[in-house]
Amino acid sequence: GEAHDQTFRVQCIMDDLSLHTEAEGKSRRMAEQLAAQLALEKLPEAGS
């Protein structure tokens, strides 16, 4: 049933950088890792 078809939605918020990402996954870990990856891709390059 529904308990076996869960979707997890997480947000990664970095107020200091005005950065906010959101991701969904079939597990909490998958959603967390995707949100973190999206946040990393949005971060400005180090030293720029």
N, C-alpha and C. Protein backbone atom coordinates (compact mmCIF):
# COMPACT_ATOMS: atom_id res chain seq x y z
N GLY A 1 0.82 -1.20 0.00
CA GLY A 1 0.00 0.00 0.00
C GLY A 1 0.86 1.25 0.00
N GLU A 2 0.28 2.33 0.46
CA GLU A 2 0.95 3.63 0.44
C GLU A 2 2.23 3.64 1.26
N ALA A 3 2.28 2.90 2.34
CA ALA A 3 3.47 2.90 3.18
C ALA A 3 4.70 2.39 2.43
N HIS A 4 4.49 1.62 1.38
CA HIS A 4 5.61 1.07 0.61
C HIS A 4 5.96 1.92 -0.59
N ASP A 5 5.21 2.98 -0.84
CA ASP A 5 5.47 3.85 -1.99
C ASP A 5 5.63 5.29 -1.50
N GLN A 6 6.53 5.46 -0.52
CA GLN A 6 6.72 6.78 0.07
C GLN A 6 7.63 7.64 -0.79
N THR A 7 7.38 8.94 -0.75
CA THR A 7 8.26 9.92 -1.36
C THR A 7 8.66 10.91 -0.28
N PHE A 8 9.96 11.15 -0.19
CA PHE A 8 10.48 12.07 0.81
C PHE A 8 10.88 13.37 0.13
N ARG A 9 10.51 14.48 0.73
CA ARG A 9 10.87 15.80 0.20
C ARG A 9 11.65 16.53 1.29
N VAL A 10 12.82 17.02 0.92
CA VAL A 10 13.65 17.76 1.87
C VAL A 10 14.09 19.08 1.26
N GLN A 11 14.43 20.00 2.13
CA GLN A 11 14.93 21.30 1.71
C GLN A 11 16.31 21.50 2.30
N CYS A 12 17.15 22.18 1.55
CA CYS A 12 18.47 22.59 2.02
C CYS A 12 18.47 24.11 1.98
N ILE A 13 18.55 24.74 3.15
CA ILE A 13 18.45 26.20 3.24
C ILE A 13 19.71 26.75 3.89
N MET A 14 20.35 27.67 3.19
CA MET A 14 21.52 28.38 3.72
C MET A 14 21.19 29.87 3.67
N ASP A 15 20.65 30.38 4.77
CA ASP A 15 20.21 31.77 4.82
C ASP A 15 21.35 32.74 4.56
N ASP A 16 22.53 32.46 5.09
CA ASP A 16 23.67 33.37 4.91
C ASP A 16 24.01 33.58 3.44
N LEU A 17 23.73 32.58 2.62
CA LEU A 17 24.04 32.66 1.19
C LEU A 17 22.79 32.87 0.35
N SER A 18 21.64 33.06 0.99
CA SER A 18 20.36 33.19 0.30
C SER A 18 20.16 32.02 -0.67
N LEU A 19 20.47 30.82 -0.19
CA LEU A 19 20.41 29.62 -1.02
C LEU A 19 19.35 28.68 -0.49
N HIS A 20 18.51 28.19 -1.39
CA HIS A 20 17.43 27.28 -1.00
C HIS A 20 17.24 26.26 -2.11
N THR A 21 17.36 24.99 -1.78
CA THR A 21 17.08 23.93 -2.75
C THR A 21 16.10 22.95 -2.13
N GLU A 22 15.42 22.23 -2.99
CA GLU A 22 14.44 21.24 -2.55
C GLU A 22 14.56 20.03 -3.47
N ALA A 23 14.43 18.84 -2.90
CA ALA A 23 14.54 17.62 -3.70
C ALA A 23 13.63 16.54 -3.14
N GLU A 24 13.28 15.60 -4.00
CA GLU A 24 12.46 14.45 -3.61
C GLU A 24 13.20 13.17 -3.93
N GLY A 25 12.91 12.14 -3.14
CA GLY A 25 13.51 10.84 -3.40
C GLY A 25 12.69 9.74 -2.76
N LYS A 26 12.98 8.51 -3.13
CA LYS A 26 12.26 7.35 -2.59
C LYS A 26 12.73 7.00 -1.19
N SER A 27 13.86 7.59 -0.76
CA SER A 27 14.32 7.42 0.62
C SER A 27 14.72 8.80 1.14
N ARG A 28 14.74 8.94 2.46
CA ARG A 28 15.14 10.22 3.04
C ARG A 28 16.58 10.53 2.65
N ARG A 29 17.42 9.52 2.71
CA ARG A 29 18.84 9.74 2.38
C ARG A 29 19.01 10.20 0.93
N MET A 30 18.29 9.58 0.00
CA MET A 30 18.38 9.96 -1.40
C MET A 30 17.95 11.42 -1.59
N ALA A 31 16.85 11.81 -0.95
CA ALA A 31 16.35 13.17 -1.07
C ALA A 31 17.35 14.16 -0.46
N GLU A 32 17.91 13.82 0.70
CA GLU A 32 18.88 14.70 1.35
C GLU A 32 20.12 14.88 0.49
N GLN A 33 20.61 13.80 -0.08
CA GLN A 33 21.82 13.88 -0.90
C GLN A 33 21.58 14.69 -2.17
N LEU A 34 20.41 14.53 -2.77
CA LEU A 34 20.10 15.29 -3.97
C LEU A 34 19.96 16.78 -3.65
N ALA A 35 19.30 17.12 -2.56
CA ALA A 35 19.16 18.52 -2.17
C ALA A 35 20.53 19.13 -1.89
N ALA A 36 21.40 18.38 -1.23
CA ALA A 36 22.76 18.87 -0.95
C ALA A 36 23.55 19.04 -2.24
N GLN A 37 23.42 18.11 -3.16
CA GLN A 37 24.13 18.22 -4.45
C GLN A 37 23.67 19.45 -5.22
N LEU A 38 22.36 19.69 -5.24
CA LEU A 38 21.82 20.87 -5.91
C LEU A 38 22.36 22.15 -5.27
N ALA A 39 22.45 22.15 -3.94
CA ALA A 39 22.98 23.31 -3.23
C ALA A 39 24.45 23.54 -3.60
N LEU A 40 25.24 22.46 -3.64
CA LEU A 40 26.65 22.59 -4.00
C LEU A 40 26.81 23.18 -5.40
N GLU A 41 25.95 22.77 -6.32
CA GLU A 41 26.03 23.26 -7.69
C GLU A 41 25.69 24.74 -7.77
N LYS A 42 24.90 25.24 -6.82
CA LYS A 42 24.51 26.65 -6.83
C LYS A 42 25.50 27.55 -6.09
N LEU A 43 26.39 26.94 -5.30
CA LEU A 43 27.36 27.73 -4.54
C LEU A 43 28.31 28.46 -5.48
N PRO A 44 28.67 29.70 -5.13
CA PRO A 44 29.68 30.39 -5.94
C PRO A 44 31.02 29.66 -5.84
N GLU A 45 31.81 29.77 -6.89
CA GLU A 45 33.12 29.11 -6.89
C GLU A 45 33.99 29.70 -5.78
N ALA A 46 34.76 28.87 -5.15
CA ALA A 46 35.66 29.32 -4.08
C ALA A 46 36.67 30.32 -4.65
N GLY A 47 36.84 31.43 -3.97
CA GLY A 47 37.82 32.42 -4.39
C GLY A 47 37.32 33.40 -5.43
N SER A 48 36.05 33.31 -5.82
CA SER A 48 35.56 34.27 -6.82
C SER A 48 34.70 35.33 -6.19
